[in-house]
N, C-alpha and C. Protein backbone atom coordinates (compact mmCIF):
# COMPACT_ATOMS: atom_id res chain seq x y z
N UNK A 1 3.22 -20.89 5.37
CA UNK A 1 3.64 -20.54 4.03
C UNK A 1 4.92 -19.71 4.12
N UNK A 2 5.89 -20.02 3.30
CA UNK A 2 7.16 -19.31 3.30
C UNK A 2 7.06 -18.13 2.34
N UNK A 3 7.49 -16.98 2.80
CA UNK A 3 7.48 -15.75 1.99
C UNK A 3 8.72 -15.76 1.10
N UNK A 4 8.52 -15.80 -0.23
CA UNK A 4 9.64 -15.86 -1.16
C UNK A 4 9.92 -14.53 -1.86
N UNK A 5 9.10 -13.53 -1.62
CA UNK A 5 9.30 -12.24 -2.28
C UNK A 5 10.55 -11.57 -1.73
N UNK A 6 11.20 -10.74 -2.57
CA UNK A 6 12.36 -9.97 -2.11
C UNK A 6 11.98 -9.04 -0.99
N UNK A 7 10.80 -8.45 -1.07
CA UNK A 7 10.31 -7.52 -0.05
C UNK A 7 9.05 -8.11 0.56
N UNK A 8 9.15 -8.80 1.70
CA UNK A 8 7.98 -9.40 2.33
C UNK A 8 6.90 -8.37 2.63
N UNK A 9 5.66 -8.82 2.58
CA UNK A 9 4.51 -7.94 2.80
C UNK A 9 3.90 -8.19 4.16
N UNK A 10 3.21 -7.16 4.65
CA UNK A 10 2.42 -7.29 5.86
C UNK A 10 0.99 -6.87 5.54
N UNK A 11 0.04 -7.45 6.21
CA UNK A 11 -1.36 -7.07 6.03
C UNK A 11 -1.65 -5.81 6.84
N UNK A 12 -2.39 -4.89 6.23
CA UNK A 12 -2.78 -3.65 6.88
C UNK A 12 -4.23 -3.33 6.49
N UNK A 13 -4.80 -2.35 7.15
CA UNK A 13 -6.13 -1.84 6.79
C UNK A 13 -6.04 -0.32 6.77
N UNK A 14 -5.41 0.18 5.73
CA UNK A 14 -5.21 1.62 5.56
C UNK A 14 -6.15 2.13 4.46
N UNK A 15 -6.33 3.45 4.47
CA UNK A 15 -7.14 4.10 3.43
C UNK A 15 -6.24 4.97 2.58
N UNK A 16 -6.78 5.41 1.47
CA UNK A 16 -6.03 6.31 0.62
C UNK A 16 -6.90 6.87 -0.48
N UNK A 17 -6.28 7.65 -1.33
CA UNK A 17 -6.93 8.23 -2.51
C UNK A 17 -6.02 8.03 -3.71
N UNK A 18 -6.62 7.87 -4.88
CA UNK A 18 -5.85 7.75 -6.11
C UNK A 18 -6.37 8.76 -7.12
N UNK A 19 -5.45 9.45 -7.76
CA UNK A 19 -5.82 10.44 -8.77
C UNK A 19 -6.00 9.71 -10.10
N UNK A 20 -7.22 9.77 -10.61
CA UNK A 20 -7.57 9.03 -11.82
C UNK A 20 -7.37 9.86 -13.10
N UNK A 21 -7.10 11.13 -12.96
CA UNK A 21 -6.97 11.99 -14.13
C UNK A 21 -8.14 12.94 -14.22
N UNK A 22 -7.94 14.02 -14.94
CA UNK A 22 -8.97 15.04 -15.14
C UNK A 22 -9.56 15.53 -13.81
N UNK A 23 -8.73 15.58 -12.77
CA UNK A 23 -9.18 16.08 -11.48
C UNK A 23 -10.00 15.10 -10.66
N UNK A 24 -10.22 13.88 -11.18
CA UNK A 24 -11.01 12.88 -10.48
C UNK A 24 -10.14 12.14 -9.47
N UNK A 25 -10.64 12.04 -8.23
CA UNK A 25 -9.93 11.33 -7.17
C UNK A 25 -10.88 10.28 -6.60
N UNK A 26 -10.40 9.04 -6.49
CA UNK A 26 -11.22 7.95 -5.97
C UNK A 26 -10.61 7.38 -4.69
N UNK A 27 -11.47 6.93 -3.78
CA UNK A 27 -10.95 6.29 -2.56
C UNK A 27 -10.40 4.90 -2.88
N UNK A 28 -9.39 4.49 -2.12
CA UNK A 28 -8.84 3.14 -2.22
C UNK A 28 -8.67 2.59 -0.81
N UNK A 29 -8.54 1.28 -0.73
CA UNK A 29 -8.21 0.62 0.53
C UNK A 29 -6.91 -0.14 0.31
N UNK A 30 -6.02 -0.04 1.29
CA UNK A 30 -4.72 -0.72 1.21
C UNK A 30 -4.81 -1.98 2.06
N UNK A 31 -4.49 -3.15 1.45
CA UNK A 31 -4.60 -4.42 2.16
C UNK A 31 -3.27 -5.00 2.59
N UNK A 32 -2.23 -4.76 1.81
CA UNK A 32 -0.91 -5.16 2.27
C UNK A 32 0.13 -4.23 1.69
N UNK A 33 1.29 -4.24 2.34
CA UNK A 33 2.33 -3.29 1.99
C UNK A 33 3.69 -3.96 2.18
N UNK A 34 4.63 -3.57 1.33
CA UNK A 34 6.02 -3.97 1.48
C UNK A 34 6.87 -2.72 1.28
N UNK A 35 8.15 -2.88 1.37
CA UNK A 35 9.04 -1.73 1.15
C UNK A 35 8.92 -1.20 -0.27
N UNK A 36 8.55 -2.05 -1.21
CA UNK A 36 8.54 -1.65 -2.61
C UNK A 36 7.17 -1.56 -3.27
N UNK A 37 6.11 -2.05 -2.59
CA UNK A 37 4.82 -2.02 -3.25
C UNK A 37 3.66 -2.18 -2.29
N UNK A 38 2.45 -2.04 -2.84
CA UNK A 38 1.23 -2.18 -2.05
C UNK A 38 0.17 -2.91 -2.87
N UNK A 39 -0.76 -3.53 -2.16
CA UNK A 39 -1.94 -4.11 -2.79
C UNK A 39 -3.12 -3.27 -2.37
N UNK A 40 -3.85 -2.75 -3.35
CA UNK A 40 -4.99 -1.89 -3.06
C UNK A 40 -6.26 -2.49 -3.64
N UNK A 41 -7.39 -2.02 -3.12
CA UNK A 41 -8.70 -2.32 -3.69
C UNK A 41 -9.24 -1.01 -4.24
N UNK A 42 -9.70 -1.04 -5.48
CA UNK A 42 -10.22 0.14 -6.14
C UNK A 42 -11.55 -0.20 -6.82
N UNK A 43 -12.46 0.76 -6.79
CA UNK A 43 -13.73 0.56 -7.50
C UNK A 43 -13.53 0.68 -9.01
N UNK A 44 -12.46 1.35 -9.41
CA UNK A 44 -12.19 1.58 -10.82
C UNK A 44 -11.05 0.69 -11.31
N UNK A 45 -11.14 0.28 -12.56
CA UNK A 45 -10.04 -0.47 -13.16
C UNK A 45 -8.86 0.49 -13.37
N UNK A 46 -7.67 0.01 -13.11
CA UNK A 46 -6.46 0.79 -13.34
C UNK A 46 -5.70 0.16 -14.49
N UNK A 47 -5.02 0.98 -15.24
CA UNK A 47 -4.33 0.53 -16.45
C UNK A 47 -2.95 -0.02 -16.10
N UNK A 48 -2.68 -1.24 -16.56
CA UNK A 48 -1.38 -1.89 -16.32
C UNK A 48 -0.27 -1.03 -16.91
N UNK A 49 0.81 -0.89 -16.15
CA UNK A 49 2.02 -0.13 -16.50
C UNK A 49 1.81 1.38 -16.54
N UNK A 50 0.66 1.86 -16.09
CA UNK A 50 0.42 3.30 -16.01
C UNK A 50 0.80 3.80 -14.62
N UNK A 51 1.31 5.03 -14.57
CA UNK A 51 1.67 5.65 -13.29
C UNK A 51 0.50 6.46 -12.75
N UNK A 52 0.31 6.41 -11.44
CA UNK A 52 -0.75 7.14 -10.76
C UNK A 52 -0.19 7.84 -9.53
N UNK A 53 -0.79 8.98 -9.19
CA UNK A 53 -0.50 9.66 -7.94
C UNK A 53 -1.43 9.10 -6.87
N UNK A 54 -0.88 8.79 -5.71
CA UNK A 54 -1.65 8.20 -4.62
C UNK A 54 -1.36 8.98 -3.35
N UNK A 55 -2.37 9.08 -2.50
CA UNK A 55 -2.19 9.65 -1.15
C UNK A 55 -2.61 8.56 -0.16
N UNK A 56 -1.64 8.04 0.57
CA UNK A 56 -1.91 7.01 1.57
C UNK A 56 -2.12 7.65 2.93
N UNK A 57 -3.00 7.07 3.73
CA UNK A 57 -3.16 7.47 5.13
C UNK A 57 -2.54 6.37 5.97
N UNK A 58 -1.34 6.65 6.50
CA UNK A 58 -0.62 5.65 7.29
C UNK A 58 -0.69 6.05 8.76
N UNK A 59 -1.23 5.17 9.59
CA UNK A 59 -1.33 5.50 11.02
C UNK A 59 0.05 5.72 11.63
N UNK A 60 0.09 6.53 12.65
CA UNK A 60 1.33 6.73 13.42
C UNK A 60 1.71 5.40 14.03
N UNK A 61 2.98 5.09 14.07
CA UNK A 61 3.44 3.81 14.58
C UNK A 61 3.04 3.63 16.04
N UNK A 62 2.88 4.72 16.78
CA UNK A 62 2.46 4.70 18.18
C UNK A 62 1.00 4.26 18.30
N UNK A 63 0.20 4.50 17.30
CA UNK A 63 -1.22 4.20 17.20
C UNK A 63 -2.07 4.98 18.22
N UNK A 64 -1.45 5.69 19.13
CA UNK A 64 -2.19 6.55 20.07
C UNK A 64 -2.50 7.89 19.41
N UNK A 65 -1.64 8.29 18.47
CA UNK A 65 -1.87 9.54 17.76
C UNK A 65 -3.11 9.40 16.89
N UNK A 66 -3.97 10.40 16.92
CA UNK A 66 -5.25 10.29 16.22
C UNK A 66 -5.14 10.59 14.73
N UNK A 67 -4.20 11.41 14.33
CA UNK A 67 -4.12 11.83 12.94
C UNK A 67 -3.11 10.98 12.19
N UNK A 68 -3.56 10.27 11.13
CA UNK A 68 -2.61 9.48 10.34
C UNK A 68 -1.74 10.39 9.49
N UNK A 69 -0.60 9.86 9.08
CA UNK A 69 0.28 10.59 8.16
C UNK A 69 -0.34 10.56 6.78
N UNK A 70 -0.32 11.69 6.09
CA UNK A 70 -0.76 11.78 4.69
C UNK A 70 0.50 11.60 3.85
N UNK A 71 0.57 10.50 3.13
CA UNK A 71 1.79 10.13 2.41
C UNK A 71 1.55 10.17 0.91
N UNK A 72 2.05 11.21 0.24
CA UNK A 72 1.92 11.25 -1.22
C UNK A 72 2.99 10.37 -1.85
N UNK A 73 2.61 9.68 -2.91
CA UNK A 73 3.58 8.85 -3.62
C UNK A 73 3.10 8.62 -5.04
N UNK A 74 4.01 8.12 -5.85
CA UNK A 74 3.67 7.76 -7.22
C UNK A 74 3.87 6.26 -7.34
N UNK A 75 2.92 5.60 -8.01
CA UNK A 75 2.97 4.15 -8.16
C UNK A 75 2.82 3.79 -9.64
N UNK A 76 3.23 2.57 -9.96
CA UNK A 76 2.98 2.02 -11.30
C UNK A 76 2.24 0.70 -11.12
N UNK A 77 1.21 0.51 -11.91
CA UNK A 77 0.36 -0.68 -11.79
C UNK A 77 1.06 -1.89 -12.40
N UNK A 78 1.14 -2.96 -11.60
CA UNK A 78 1.74 -4.22 -12.06
C UNK A 78 0.69 -5.22 -12.50
N UNK A 79 -0.42 -5.29 -11.75
CA UNK A 79 -1.51 -6.20 -12.12
C UNK A 79 -2.81 -5.69 -11.52
N UNK A 80 -3.92 -6.09 -12.15
CA UNK A 80 -5.25 -5.68 -11.70
C UNK A 80 -6.20 -6.83 -11.97
N UNK A 81 -6.88 -7.29 -10.90
CA UNK A 81 -7.77 -8.44 -11.02
C UNK A 81 -9.13 -8.06 -10.43
N UNK A 82 -10.18 -8.27 -11.21
CA UNK A 82 -11.53 -8.02 -10.72
C UNK A 82 -11.87 -9.07 -9.68
N UNK A 83 -12.30 -8.60 -8.50
CA UNK A 83 -12.66 -9.48 -7.40
C UNK A 83 -13.97 -8.98 -6.81
N UNK A 84 -15.08 -9.59 -7.19
CA UNK A 84 -16.39 -9.10 -6.77
C UNK A 84 -16.67 -7.77 -7.45
N UNK A 85 -16.97 -6.74 -6.64
CA UNK A 85 -17.26 -5.41 -7.18
C UNK A 85 -16.04 -4.51 -7.20
N UNK A 86 -14.88 -5.02 -6.81
CA UNK A 86 -13.66 -4.21 -6.72
C UNK A 86 -12.54 -4.84 -7.52
N UNK A 87 -11.54 -4.02 -7.81
CA UNK A 87 -10.33 -4.50 -8.46
C UNK A 87 -9.23 -4.60 -7.41
N UNK A 88 -8.57 -5.76 -7.35
CA UNK A 88 -7.38 -5.94 -6.51
C UNK A 88 -6.20 -5.56 -7.38
N UNK A 89 -5.49 -4.51 -6.97
CA UNK A 89 -4.46 -3.93 -7.82
C UNK A 89 -3.12 -3.93 -7.09
N UNK A 90 -2.14 -4.60 -7.71
CA UNK A 90 -0.79 -4.59 -7.18
C UNK A 90 0.00 -3.48 -7.84
N UNK A 91 0.63 -2.64 -7.02
CA UNK A 91 1.40 -1.51 -7.55
C UNK A 91 2.79 -1.49 -6.93
N UNK A 92 3.74 -0.96 -7.69
CA UNK A 92 5.09 -0.75 -7.18
C UNK A 92 5.25 0.73 -6.86
N UNK A 93 5.83 1.02 -5.71
CA UNK A 93 6.13 2.41 -5.33
C UNK A 93 7.31 2.88 -6.15
N UNK A 94 7.13 3.97 -6.92
CA UNK A 94 8.24 4.47 -7.73
C UNK A 94 8.75 5.83 -7.24
N UNK A 95 7.91 6.55 -6.50
CA UNK A 95 8.35 7.80 -5.88
C UNK A 95 7.69 7.92 -4.52
N UNK A 96 8.53 7.98 -3.48
CA UNK A 96 8.05 8.18 -2.12
C UNK A 96 9.20 8.77 -1.32
N UNK A 97 8.89 9.70 -0.45
CA UNK A 97 9.93 10.33 0.37
C UNK A 97 10.59 9.30 1.27
N UNK A 98 11.87 9.47 1.50
CA UNK A 98 12.62 8.55 2.37
C UNK A 98 11.98 8.43 3.74
N UNK A 99 11.52 9.53 4.30
CA UNK A 99 10.87 9.52 5.60
C UNK A 99 9.64 8.62 5.59
N UNK A 100 8.86 8.68 4.52
CA UNK A 100 7.65 7.87 4.43
C UNK A 100 7.98 6.40 4.17
N UNK A 101 9.03 6.14 3.40
CA UNK A 101 9.46 4.75 3.20
C UNK A 101 9.92 4.18 4.54
N UNK A 102 10.60 5.00 5.34
CA UNK A 102 11.03 4.57 6.68
C UNK A 102 9.83 4.26 7.57
N UNK A 103 8.75 5.02 7.43
CA UNK A 103 7.53 4.76 8.19
C UNK A 103 6.95 3.39 7.81
N UNK A 104 6.89 3.10 6.52
CA UNK A 104 6.41 1.80 6.06
C UNK A 104 7.31 0.69 6.61
N UNK A 105 8.62 0.89 6.55
CA UNK A 105 9.55 -0.12 7.07
C UNK A 105 9.39 -0.31 8.58
N UNK A 106 9.05 0.76 9.29
CA UNK A 106 8.80 0.63 10.73
C UNK A 106 7.58 -0.24 10.98
N UNK A 107 6.53 -0.08 10.17
CA UNK A 107 5.34 -0.93 10.30
C UNK A 107 5.70 -2.39 10.01
N UNK A 108 6.53 -2.63 8.99
CA UNK A 108 6.95 -3.98 8.65
C UNK A 108 7.74 -4.60 9.81
N UNK A 109 8.66 -3.84 10.37
CA UNK A 109 9.45 -4.32 11.51
C UNK A 109 8.57 -4.62 12.71
N UNK A 110 7.61 -3.73 12.97
CA UNK A 110 6.70 -3.92 14.10
C UNK A 110 5.88 -5.19 13.91
N UNK A 111 5.43 -5.43 12.69
CA UNK A 111 4.64 -6.63 12.40
C UNK A 111 5.46 -7.89 12.64
N UNK A 112 6.71 -7.88 12.23
CA UNK A 112 7.58 -9.04 12.44
C UNK A 112 7.77 -9.32 13.92
N UNK A 113 7.81 -8.27 14.72
CA UNK A 113 8.00 -8.42 16.16
C UNK A 113 6.82 -9.17 16.79
N UNK A 114 5.60 -8.85 16.32
CA UNK A 114 4.40 -9.45 16.89
C UNK A 114 3.92 -10.70 16.17
N UNK A 115 4.45 -10.95 14.98
CA UNK A 115 4.06 -12.11 14.20
C UNK A 115 5.30 -12.77 13.64
N UNK A 116 6.09 -13.44 14.50
CA UNK A 116 7.35 -14.05 14.02
C UNK A 116 7.07 -15.12 12.97
N UNK A 117 8.07 -15.40 12.12
CA UNK A 117 7.90 -16.43 11.08
C UNK A 117 7.54 -17.78 11.70
N UNK A 118 6.71 -18.52 10.99
CA UNK A 118 6.28 -19.82 11.49
C UNK A 118 7.27 -20.89 11.02
N UNK A 119 7.58 -21.80 11.92
CA UNK A 119 8.49 -22.89 11.60
C UNK A 119 7.74 -23.99 10.88
N UNK A 120 8.44 -24.70 10.00
CA UNK A 120 7.78 -25.79 9.27
C UNK A 120 8.30 -27.11 9.76
């Protein structure tokens, strides 16, 4: 399959937290990531076009380091689809530190190194 998105995605298995409001924080799972957005699984429905604060746990690129990076960011919900008992939610990153965006890009580059594009 040819990737047609402006920002290609890679599959990951990261964890995180999302602030739902009124001090409530829910766990999320991150399934794929690009330079501009992420796909998460959430037990709660998220409101389309609403902004949320998220804390991602991104492993060190070395993977030998035991402590993942805690990456705070702000996202806006683009779509949310109920899938079984969870919602698959696509979000765009709207606020993230340059250092953390560079970390995501390093993961994307590393993935391309080990999983080159397939020829058709």
